[in-house]
N, C-alpha and C. Protein backbone atom coordinates (compact mmCIF):
# COMPACT_ATOMS: atom_id res chain seq x y z
N MET A 1 113.73 84.82 120.81
CA MET A 1 113.02 83.84 121.88
C MET A 1 111.74 83.49 121.42
N ASN A 2 110.86 84.44 120.02
CA ASN A 2 109.73 83.94 120.45
C ASN A 2 109.64 82.69 119.24
N ALA A 3 110.87 82.41 117.90
CA ALA A 3 110.48 81.79 117.46
C ALA A 3 111.67 80.43 117.40
N LEU A 4 112.43 80.15 118.18
CA LEU A 4 113.11 79.28 118.47
C LEU A 4 113.74 79.31 120.18
N LEU A 5 112.81 78.54 121.15
CA LEU A 5 113.21 78.89 121.98
C LEU A 5 113.96 77.77 123.11
N ARG A 6 114.53 77.20 122.29
CA ARG A 6 115.35 76.27 123.24
C ARG A 6 116.84 76.46 123.22
N PRO A 7 117.43 77.41 122.58
CA PRO A 7 118.93 78.17 123.20
C PRO A 7 118.65 78.58 124.87
N SER A 8 117.61 79.60 124.56
CA SER A 8 117.31 80.66 125.39
C SER A 8 117.10 79.95 126.74
N HIS A 9 116.48 78.90 126.94
CA HIS A 9 115.39 78.14 128.05
C HIS A 9 116.42 76.96 128.85
N TYR A 10 116.59 75.66 127.18
CA TYR A 10 117.38 75.06 127.83
C TYR A 10 119.00 74.75 126.90
N ASP A 11 119.93 75.75 126.78
CA ASP A 11 121.10 75.67 126.56
C ASP A 11 121.09 74.70 125.10
N ALA A 12 120.06 74.88 124.28
CA ALA A 12 120.23 73.91 123.40
C ALA A 12 121.66 74.69 122.19
N PHE A 13 122.24 73.52 121.45
CA PHE A 13 122.99 73.74 120.57
C PHE A 13 122.52 73.73 119.16
N HIS A 14 122.40 75.00 118.40
CA HIS A 14 122.01 74.07 116.93
C HIS A 14 122.99 75.22 116.62
N PHE A 15 123.85 74.77 115.09
CA PHE A 15 124.96 75.43 114.63
C PHE A 15 124.05 75.91 113.82
N ILE A 16 124.52 77.35 113.70
CA ILE A 16 124.50 78.47 112.40
C ILE A 16 125.62 79.56 112.19
N TRP A 17 125.27 79.52 110.56
CA TRP A 17 126.67 79.72 110.11
C TRP A 17 125.98 80.30 108.51
N PRO A 18 126.48 81.48 108.49
CA PRO A 18 126.02 82.09 107.48
C PRO A 18 126.15 81.41 105.88
N THR A 19 124.80 82.17 105.23
CA THR A 19 123.97 80.99 104.00
C THR A 19 125.61 81.75 102.90
N ASP A 20 126.29 82.80 103.02
CA ASP A 20 126.93 83.00 101.72
C ASP A 20 128.57 83.34 102.40
N THR A 21 129.42 82.32 101.98
CA THR A 21 131.01 82.53 103.04
C THR A 21 131.95 81.91 101.94
N PRO A 22 132.84 82.20 101.76
CA PRO A 22 134.25 82.33 100.88
C PRO A 22 134.39 80.49 101.32
N ALA A 23 134.97 80.05 100.28
CA ALA A 23 134.96 78.35 100.68
C ALA A 23 136.19 78.48 101.58
N SER A 24 137.11 79.44 102.14
CA SER A 24 138.03 79.29 103.30
C SER A 24 137.33 78.63 104.48
N PHE A 25 135.60 79.81 104.84
CA PHE A 25 135.12 79.01 105.58
C PHE A 25 133.95 78.17 105.54
N ILE A 26 134.05 77.42 104.84
CA ILE A 26 132.77 75.96 104.86
C ILE A 26 133.16 75.24 105.66
N PRO A 27 132.57 74.58 106.66
CA PRO A 27 133.04 73.84 107.81
C PRO A 27 132.94 72.70 107.37
N THR A 28 133.55 71.74 107.85
CA THR A 28 133.62 70.08 107.55
C THR A 28 132.77 69.50 108.70
N ARG A 29 132.55 69.80 109.28
CA ARG A 29 131.41 69.69 110.46
C ARG A 29 130.73 70.49 111.35
N ARG A 30 129.91 70.58 111.53
CA ARG A 30 129.13 71.06 112.50
C ARG A 30 128.49 71.34 113.84
N GLU A 31 129.89 71.54 114.20
CA GLU A 31 130.21 71.84 115.73
C GLU A 31 130.34 72.61 116.12
N GLU A 32 130.37 73.09 117.43
CA GLU A 32 130.31 74.82 118.58
C GLU A 32 131.22 75.36 118.35
N ASN A 33 132.88 74.98 118.46
CA ASN A 33 133.76 75.57 118.16
C ASN A 33 134.66 74.81 116.83
N PRO A 34 134.10 75.33 116.03
CA PRO A 34 135.27 74.90 114.91
C PRO A 34 136.70 75.67 114.72
N GLU A 35 137.24 74.68 114.64
CA GLU A 35 138.69 75.47 114.10
C GLU A 35 138.90 75.73 113.00
N MET A 36 138.83 76.54 112.58
CA MET A 36 138.96 77.65 111.50
C MET A 36 140.04 79.06 111.80
N THR A 37 141.05 79.61 111.22
CA THR A 37 141.39 80.74 110.98
C THR A 37 140.80 81.51 110.48
N GLY A 38 140.20 83.12 111.80
CA GLY A 38 139.76 83.87 110.70
C GLY A 38 137.95 84.36 111.49
N LEU A 39 137.68 82.79 112.15
CA LEU A 39 136.39 83.57 113.05
C LEU A 39 136.37 84.20 114.15
N VAL A 40 135.19 84.81 114.31
CA VAL A 40 135.28 85.53 115.80
C VAL A 40 134.23 85.13 115.73
N ASN A 41 134.30 85.60 117.52
CA ASN A 41 133.17 85.21 118.64
C ASN A 41 132.11 86.35 118.48
N VAL A 42 130.92 86.10 118.17
CA VAL A 42 129.60 86.71 118.01
C VAL A 42 128.74 85.97 119.25
N ASP A 43 127.68 87.14 118.93
CA ASP A 43 126.12 86.84 119.60
C ASP A 43 125.61 86.70 119.01
N VAL A 44 124.49 85.81 118.52
CA VAL A 44 123.31 85.92 117.59
C VAL A 44 121.95 85.77 118.34
N VAL A 45 121.95 87.39 118.26
CA VAL A 45 120.07 87.67 119.30
C VAL A 45 119.21 88.28 118.09
N GLY A 46 118.12 87.89 118.70
CA GLY A 46 116.61 88.22 118.05
C GLY A 46 116.34 89.54 117.86
N PRO A 47 114.96 89.74 117.86
CA PRO A 47 114.74 91.30 117.51
C PRO A 47 113.83 91.60 118.81
N LEU A 48 113.58 91.02 119.80
CA LEU A 48 113.09 91.52 121.06
C LEU A 48 113.64 91.74 121.61
N CYS A 49 113.48 92.94 122.63
CA CYS A 49 114.34 93.32 123.71
C CYS A 49 113.99 92.88 125.45
N GLU A 50 114.49 91.80 125.27
CA GLU A 50 114.77 90.75 125.98
C GLU A 50 116.00 90.23 126.39
N THR A 51 116.48 90.12 127.02
CA THR A 51 117.72 89.18 127.93
C THR A 51 117.56 87.72 127.06
N GLY A 52 116.71 87.01 127.47
CA GLY A 52 116.59 85.76 126.83
C GLY A 52 116.40 85.51 125.13
N ASP A 53 116.22 86.88 124.46
CA ASP A 53 116.47 86.77 123.50
C ASP A 53 117.39 86.15 122.58
N TYR A 54 118.17 84.99 122.15
CA TYR A 54 119.60 84.73 121.63
C TYR A 54 120.07 83.80 121.50
N LEU A 55 120.12 83.24 119.86
CA LEU A 55 120.18 81.83 119.67
C LEU A 55 121.54 81.27 120.09
N ALA A 56 122.55 82.13 120.58
CA ALA A 56 123.31 81.62 120.64
C ALA A 56 124.30 82.91 121.10
N LEU A 57 125.24 82.33 121.92
CA LEU A 57 126.39 83.72 122.97
C LEU A 57 127.80 82.95 123.03
N ASP A 58 128.84 83.99 122.53
CA ASP A 58 130.22 83.54 122.32
C ASP A 58 130.20 82.79 121.60
N ARG A 59 130.05 82.89 120.39
CA ARG A 59 129.80 81.82 119.19
C ARG A 59 130.96 81.84 118.35
N ALA A 60 132.09 81.19 117.23
CA ALA A 60 132.62 81.69 116.86
C ALA A 60 131.88 81.32 115.57
N MET A 61 131.96 82.64 114.57
CA MET A 61 131.43 81.71 113.32
C MET A 61 132.80 82.74 112.39
N PRO A 62 132.57 82.50 110.92
CA PRO A 62 132.99 83.72 110.46
C PRO A 62 132.28 85.47 110.65
N PRO A 63 133.48 86.31 110.20
CA PRO A 63 132.79 87.64 110.08
C PRO A 63 131.06 87.85 109.00
N VAL A 64 130.38 88.40 109.85
CA VAL A 64 128.87 88.88 108.96
C VAL A 64 128.78 90.37 109.48
N ALA A 65 128.04 90.95 108.26
CA ALA A 65 127.53 91.94 108.69
C ALA A 65 125.82 92.14 108.33
N ARG A 66 125.26 93.04 108.85
CA ARG A 66 124.19 93.66 109.37
C ARG A 66 123.28 92.84 107.29
N GLY A 67 122.08 92.26 107.84
CA GLY A 67 121.90 91.87 106.57
C GLY A 67 122.44 91.22 105.99
N ASP A 68 123.21 90.49 106.62
CA ASP A 68 123.59 88.84 105.93
C ASP A 68 122.68 87.43 106.48
N LEU A 69 122.54 86.50 105.94
CA LEU A 69 121.30 85.60 106.08
C LEU A 69 122.57 84.96 107.22
N LEU A 70 121.78 84.50 107.97
CA LEU A 70 122.47 83.56 109.03
C LEU A 70 121.40 82.19 108.94
N ALA A 71 121.64 80.80 108.70
CA ALA A 71 121.01 79.51 108.61
C ALA A 71 121.29 79.19 109.90
N ILE A 72 120.21 78.23 110.57
CA ILE A 72 119.98 77.42 111.53
C ILE A 72 119.93 76.50 111.42
N PHE A 73 120.66 75.31 111.90
CA PHE A 73 120.07 74.21 111.56
C PHE A 73 119.92 72.96 112.28
N THR A 74 119.21 72.30 111.99
CA THR A 74 119.02 71.21 112.70
C THR A 74 117.47 71.90 113.92
N ALA A 75 116.28 72.78 113.22
CA ALA A 75 115.96 73.11 114.25
C ALA A 75 114.38 72.32 114.88
N GLY A 76 114.22 71.49 113.89
CA GLY A 76 113.86 69.83 114.30
C GLY A 76 111.96 70.43 114.70
N ALA A 77 111.56 69.70 114.54
CA ALA A 77 109.92 70.07 114.93
C ALA A 77 109.75 70.41 116.41
N TYR A 78 110.53 70.93 117.31
CA TYR A 78 110.26 71.18 118.59
C TYR A 78 110.37 72.91 118.66
N GLY A 79 110.80 73.27 116.95
CA GLY A 79 111.16 74.99 116.85
C GLY A 79 109.91 75.44 117.09
N MET A 80 108.96 75.17 116.02
CA MET A 80 107.44 75.56 115.46
C MET A 80 106.58 75.75 116.72
N SER A 81 106.93 73.79 117.56
CA SER A 81 105.88 73.77 118.20
C SER A 81 106.00 74.76 119.72
N MET A 82 107.21 75.30 120.00
CA MET A 82 107.33 76.10 120.74
C MET A 82 107.29 77.21 120.44
N ALA A 83 107.19 77.72 119.41
CA ALA A 83 106.97 79.45 118.85
C ALA A 83 105.87 79.70 119.64
N SER A 84 106.32 81.21 120.15
CA SER A 84 104.82 82.24 119.93
C SER A 84 104.83 83.41 118.82
N ARG A 85 103.68 84.01 119.84
CA ARG A 85 103.18 85.42 119.00
C ARG A 85 103.95 86.62 120.31
N TYR A 86 104.76 86.08 120.97
CA TYR A 86 105.17 87.26 121.98
C TYR A 86 105.71 87.97 121.68
N ASN A 87 105.00 89.02 122.59
CA ASN A 87 105.42 90.83 121.80
C ASN A 87 105.64 90.96 120.48
N SER A 88 103.57 90.12 120.34
CA SER A 88 103.21 90.79 118.85
C SER A 88 104.21 90.23 117.59
N SER A 89 104.55 89.61 117.69
CA SER A 89 105.76 88.78 116.55
C SER A 89 105.33 87.80 115.55
N PRO A 90 105.05 88.23 114.18
CA PRO A 90 104.59 87.40 113.87
C PRO A 90 104.98 85.63 113.95
N LEU A 91 104.63 84.75 113.67
CA LEU A 91 105.42 83.67 113.43
C LEU A 91 106.00 83.15 112.29
N PRO A 92 107.72 82.79 112.23
CA PRO A 92 108.39 82.70 111.07
C PRO A 92 107.69 81.97 109.83
N ALA A 93 108.36 81.39 109.35
CA ALA A 93 108.01 80.25 108.23
C ALA A 93 109.01 79.27 108.63
N GLU A 94 108.44 78.07 108.20
CA GLU A 94 109.29 76.97 108.31
C GLU A 94 109.52 76.44 106.73
N VAL A 95 110.79 75.91 106.73
CA VAL A 95 111.29 75.45 105.51
C VAL A 95 111.87 74.23 105.49
N LEU A 96 112.06 73.45 104.71
CA LEU A 96 112.77 72.26 105.02
C LEU A 96 113.47 71.90 103.38
N VAL A 97 114.70 71.67 104.35
CA VAL A 97 115.97 71.61 103.28
C VAL A 97 116.25 70.32 103.06
N ASP A 98 116.71 69.92 101.99
CA ASP A 98 117.41 68.35 101.91
C ASP A 98 117.73 68.45 100.12
N GLY A 99 119.20 68.69 101.38
CA GLY A 99 120.32 69.01 100.44
C GLY A 99 120.03 69.78 99.54
N MET A 100 120.05 70.17 98.24
CA MET A 100 119.98 71.47 97.31
C MET A 100 118.62 71.94 97.14
N GLU A 101 117.79 71.05 97.61
CA GLU A 101 116.34 71.37 97.69
C GLU A 101 115.65 71.82 98.29
N PHE A 102 114.83 72.90 98.62
CA PHE A 102 114.10 73.21 99.81
C PHE A 102 112.82 73.72 99.48
N THR A 103 111.80 73.26 100.43
CA THR A 103 110.69 73.22 100.66
C THR A 103 110.00 74.79 101.42
N THR A 104 108.74 75.62 101.58
CA THR A 104 108.66 76.02 102.14
C THR A 104 107.46 75.35 102.75
N VAL A 105 107.22 74.77 104.00
CA VAL A 105 106.44 74.03 104.98
C VAL A 105 105.13 74.99 104.89
N ARG A 106 105.88 76.62 105.90
CA ARG A 106 104.54 77.52 106.38
C ARG A 106 104.54 78.49 105.95
N ARG A 107 104.10 79.38 105.15
CA ARG A 107 104.31 81.18 105.21
C ARG A 107 105.13 81.36 106.01
N ARG A 108 105.44 82.67 106.16
CA ARG A 108 105.97 83.29 107.21
C ARG A 108 104.65 84.22 107.68
N GLU A 109 104.07 84.27 108.86
CA GLU A 109 103.09 85.06 109.02
C GLU A 109 103.18 86.39 108.99
N THR A 110 101.90 87.03 108.35
CA THR A 110 101.94 88.60 108.32
C THR A 110 100.91 89.27 109.56
N TYR A 111 101.54 90.42 109.58
CA TYR A 111 100.83 90.88 110.47
C TYR A 111 99.07 91.33 110.24
N GLU A 112 98.68 91.35 109.36
CA GLU A 112 97.31 90.95 109.01
C GLU A 112 96.78 89.03 109.70
N ASP A 113 97.62 88.52 109.26
CA ASP A 113 97.59 86.81 110.17
C ASP A 113 97.45 87.58 111.54
N LEU A 114 98.59 87.83 112.07
CA LEU A 114 98.32 88.11 113.49
C LEU A 114 97.47 88.61 114.19
N VAL A 115 96.79 89.38 113.74
CA VAL A 115 96.02 90.37 114.48
C VAL A 115 94.01 89.92 113.72
N ALA A 116 94.25 88.66 112.94
CA ALA A 116 93.01 87.80 112.48
C ALA A 116 92.60 86.84 113.56
N HIS A 117 93.75 86.98 114.35
CA HIS A 117 92.92 85.79 115.76
C HIS A 117 92.18 87.06 116.82
N GLU A 118 92.55 88.56 116.77
CA GLU A 118 91.49 89.35 117.58
C GLU A 118 90.58 89.28 117.01
N ARG A 119 89.82 89.23 115.89
CA ARG A 119 88.76 89.74 115.20
C ARG A 119 87.28 88.57 115.36
């Protein structure tokens, strides 16, 4: 909700997929309802205690466990421009991915960064 507001406010679709999956779970297309055997319907939610803090509801994905990393594709320029420090949440990092290369465009904000605005 504070890092990528578009899904909860505009019902925007962002393809979300685990970063480490078996070959049987590698999709051929980034679509909302991939037709693959073994997918489960899940809600992808954030850490805030708000009903609007979600990225996807009832989304078919491979089984995941606590601690697994998920990639949120095509967040785009509007993702960070709409991000906020709501509920004292530091801003996330911005990472540009190009094929197998990635670059951190903006580092993750720390708590010290967050309170520096108050000093």
